[in-house]
């Protein structure tokens, strides 16, 4: 599954959340968050954890 990096970063900025805060809220490693922010694909479970940590539906973060 691929999260749209622009949508992810935009949502983090909107919520005034940095990478470390997302790591703590999602329970995902910093290297995985960094990889996703750089456009790499991830598992659906990882994407779901990121969306849950940001309190947004998964569909709002995925690529069109």
N, C-alpha and C. Protein backbone atom coordinates (compact mmCIF):
# COMPACT_ATOMS: atom_id res chain seq x y z
N UNK A 1 0.86 -1.17 0.00
CA UNK A 1 0.00 0.00 0.00
C UNK A 1 0.91 1.23 0.00
N UNK A 2 0.48 2.25 -0.70
CA UNK A 2 1.29 3.45 -0.77
C UNK A 2 0.51 4.65 -0.24
N UNK A 3 1.11 5.31 0.74
CA UNK A 3 0.54 6.54 1.28
C UNK A 3 1.09 7.70 0.46
N UNK A 4 0.22 8.60 0.10
CA UNK A 4 0.64 9.79 -0.64
C UNK A 4 1.46 10.66 0.30
N UNK A 5 2.73 10.83 -0.03
CA UNK A 5 3.63 11.56 0.88
C UNK A 5 3.20 13.01 1.08
N UNK A 6 2.66 13.64 0.04
CA UNK A 6 2.22 15.03 0.17
C UNK A 6 1.03 15.12 1.12
N UNK A 7 0.09 14.19 0.99
CA UNK A 7 -1.08 14.18 1.88
C UNK A 7 -0.65 13.92 3.32
N UNK A 8 0.30 13.00 3.51
CA UNK A 8 0.78 12.68 4.86
C UNK A 8 1.45 13.89 5.49
N UNK A 9 2.37 14.49 4.78
CA UNK A 9 3.09 15.64 5.32
C UNK A 9 2.15 16.82 5.54
N UNK A 10 1.22 17.02 4.64
CA UNK A 10 0.24 18.10 4.80
C UNK A 10 -0.60 17.90 6.05
N UNK A 11 -1.02 16.68 6.29
CA UNK A 11 -1.83 16.39 7.47
C UNK A 11 -1.01 16.58 8.74
N UNK A 12 0.24 16.18 8.70
CA UNK A 12 1.10 16.38 9.87
C UNK A 12 1.29 17.87 10.15
N UNK A 13 1.47 18.67 9.12
CA UNK A 13 1.62 20.11 9.29
C UNK A 13 0.32 20.71 9.82
N UNK A 14 -0.80 20.28 9.26
CA UNK A 14 -2.10 20.79 9.70
C UNK A 14 -2.31 20.54 11.20
N UNK A 15 -1.82 19.39 11.67
CA UNK A 15 -1.99 19.05 13.08
C UNK A 15 -0.79 19.48 13.94
N UNK A 16 0.16 20.19 13.32
CA UNK A 16 1.35 20.65 14.02
C UNK A 16 2.06 19.47 14.70
N UNK A 17 2.24 18.39 13.92
CA UNK A 17 2.84 17.17 14.43
C UNK A 17 4.16 16.91 13.72
N UNK A 18 5.19 16.63 14.50
CA UNK A 18 6.46 16.28 13.87
C UNK A 18 6.62 14.77 13.77
N UNK A 19 7.70 14.34 13.16
CA UNK A 19 7.91 12.92 12.91
C UNK A 19 8.00 12.13 14.23
N UNK A 20 8.67 12.66 15.21
CA UNK A 20 8.82 11.96 16.48
C UNK A 20 7.48 11.77 17.18
N UNK A 21 6.61 12.78 17.11
CA UNK A 21 5.28 12.64 17.70
C UNK A 21 4.48 11.56 16.99
N UNK A 22 4.60 11.51 15.66
CA UNK A 22 3.89 10.47 14.90
C UNK A 22 4.43 9.09 15.26
N UNK A 23 5.72 8.97 15.44
CA UNK A 23 6.32 7.70 15.85
C UNK A 23 5.72 7.25 17.18
N UNK A 24 5.65 8.15 18.15
CA UNK A 24 5.12 7.80 19.47
C UNK A 24 3.64 7.43 19.42
N UNK A 25 2.85 8.19 18.66
CA UNK A 25 1.42 7.93 18.60
C UNK A 25 1.08 6.66 17.82
N UNK A 26 1.84 6.38 16.78
CA UNK A 26 1.53 5.24 15.92
C UNK A 26 2.18 3.94 16.38
N UNK A 27 3.28 4.04 17.12
CA UNK A 27 4.00 2.83 17.53
C UNK A 27 4.83 2.24 16.42
N UNK A 28 5.09 3.02 15.40
CA UNK A 28 5.87 2.58 14.24
C UNK A 28 7.26 3.18 14.36
N UNK A 29 8.27 2.46 13.89
CA UNK A 29 9.64 2.95 14.00
C UNK A 29 9.85 4.22 13.17
N UNK A 30 10.82 4.99 13.61
CA UNK A 30 11.14 6.24 12.92
C UNK A 30 11.60 5.97 11.49
N UNK A 31 12.35 4.89 11.30
CA UNK A 31 12.84 4.56 9.95
C UNK A 31 11.68 4.22 9.01
N UNK A 32 10.66 3.56 9.53
CA UNK A 32 9.49 3.23 8.70
C UNK A 32 8.70 4.49 8.35
N UNK A 33 8.50 5.37 9.34
CA UNK A 33 7.80 6.63 9.08
C UNK A 33 8.57 7.44 8.04
N UNK A 34 9.88 7.49 8.19
CA UNK A 34 10.72 8.22 7.24
C UNK A 34 10.59 7.63 5.84
N UNK A 35 10.60 6.31 5.74
CA UNK A 35 10.46 5.65 4.44
C UNK A 35 9.12 5.99 3.79
N UNK A 36 8.06 5.97 4.57
CA UNK A 36 6.73 6.29 4.05
C UNK A 36 6.69 7.75 3.59
N UNK A 37 7.30 8.64 4.37
CA UNK A 37 7.34 10.06 3.99
C UNK A 37 8.15 10.27 2.71
N UNK A 38 9.05 9.36 2.43
CA UNK A 38 9.85 9.47 1.21
C UNK A 38 9.25 8.72 0.03
N UNK A 39 8.01 8.24 0.19
CA UNK A 39 7.30 7.64 -0.93
C UNK A 39 7.36 6.14 -1.06
N UNK A 40 7.95 5.46 -0.09
CA UNK A 40 8.01 4.00 -0.17
C UNK A 40 6.67 3.40 0.26
N UNK A 41 6.41 2.21 -0.24
CA UNK A 41 5.15 1.55 0.12
C UNK A 41 5.28 0.94 1.51
N UNK A 42 4.13 0.60 2.08
CA UNK A 42 4.10 -0.01 3.42
C UNK A 42 2.94 -0.99 3.47
N UNK A 43 2.88 -1.74 4.55
CA UNK A 43 1.77 -2.68 4.71
C UNK A 43 0.49 -1.92 5.04
N UNK A 44 -0.63 -2.57 4.85
CA UNK A 44 -1.91 -1.95 5.17
C UNK A 44 -1.99 -1.69 6.68
N UNK A 45 -1.41 -2.58 7.46
CA UNK A 45 -1.41 -2.41 8.92
C UNK A 45 -0.64 -1.15 9.32
N UNK A 46 0.50 -0.92 8.72
CA UNK A 46 1.28 0.29 9.00
C UNK A 46 0.52 1.53 8.59
N UNK A 47 -0.07 1.50 7.40
CA UNK A 47 -0.84 2.65 6.92
C UNK A 47 -2.02 2.93 7.85
N UNK A 48 -2.66 1.87 8.33
CA UNK A 48 -3.79 2.04 9.24
C UNK A 48 -3.36 2.66 10.56
N UNK A 49 -2.20 2.25 11.07
CA UNK A 49 -1.69 2.81 12.31
C UNK A 49 -1.36 4.30 12.16
N UNK A 50 -0.82 4.67 11.02
CA UNK A 50 -0.51 6.08 10.76
C UNK A 50 -1.80 6.89 10.70
N UNK A 51 -2.77 6.38 9.96
CA UNK A 51 -4.06 7.08 9.85
C UNK A 51 -4.73 7.21 11.22
N UNK A 52 -4.67 6.15 12.01
CA UNK A 52 -5.28 6.18 13.35
C UNK A 52 -4.58 7.21 14.23
N UNK A 53 -3.25 7.25 14.16
CA UNK A 53 -2.48 8.21 14.96
C UNK A 53 -2.82 9.65 14.56
N UNK A 54 -3.11 9.86 13.29
CA UNK A 54 -3.48 11.19 12.80
C UNK A 54 -4.97 11.46 12.95
N UNK A 55 -5.72 10.44 13.35
CA UNK A 55 -7.17 10.56 13.53
C UNK A 55 -7.87 10.95 12.24
N UNK A 56 -7.47 10.30 11.14
CA UNK A 56 -8.10 10.53 9.84
C UNK A 56 -8.40 9.17 9.20
N UNK A 57 -9.38 9.11 8.31
CA UNK A 57 -9.64 7.86 7.59
C UNK A 57 -8.46 7.49 6.71
N UNK A 58 -8.17 6.23 6.61
CA UNK A 58 -7.05 5.76 5.79
C UNK A 58 -7.12 6.27 4.36
N UNK A 59 -8.33 6.34 3.83
CA UNK A 59 -8.52 6.75 2.44
C UNK A 59 -8.03 8.19 2.17
N UNK A 60 -7.98 9.02 3.20
CA UNK A 60 -7.54 10.40 3.00
C UNK A 60 -6.03 10.48 2.81
N UNK A 61 -5.31 9.43 3.16
CA UNK A 61 -3.85 9.44 3.03
C UNK A 61 -3.31 8.67 1.84
N UNK A 62 -4.12 7.76 1.31
CA UNK A 62 -3.63 6.91 0.23
C UNK A 62 -3.62 7.64 -1.10
N UNK A 63 -2.77 7.13 -2.00
CA UNK A 63 -2.68 7.73 -3.33
C UNK A 63 -3.97 7.48 -4.09
N UNK A 64 -4.30 8.41 -4.98
CA UNK A 64 -5.53 8.30 -5.79
C UNK A 64 -5.36 7.28 -6.89
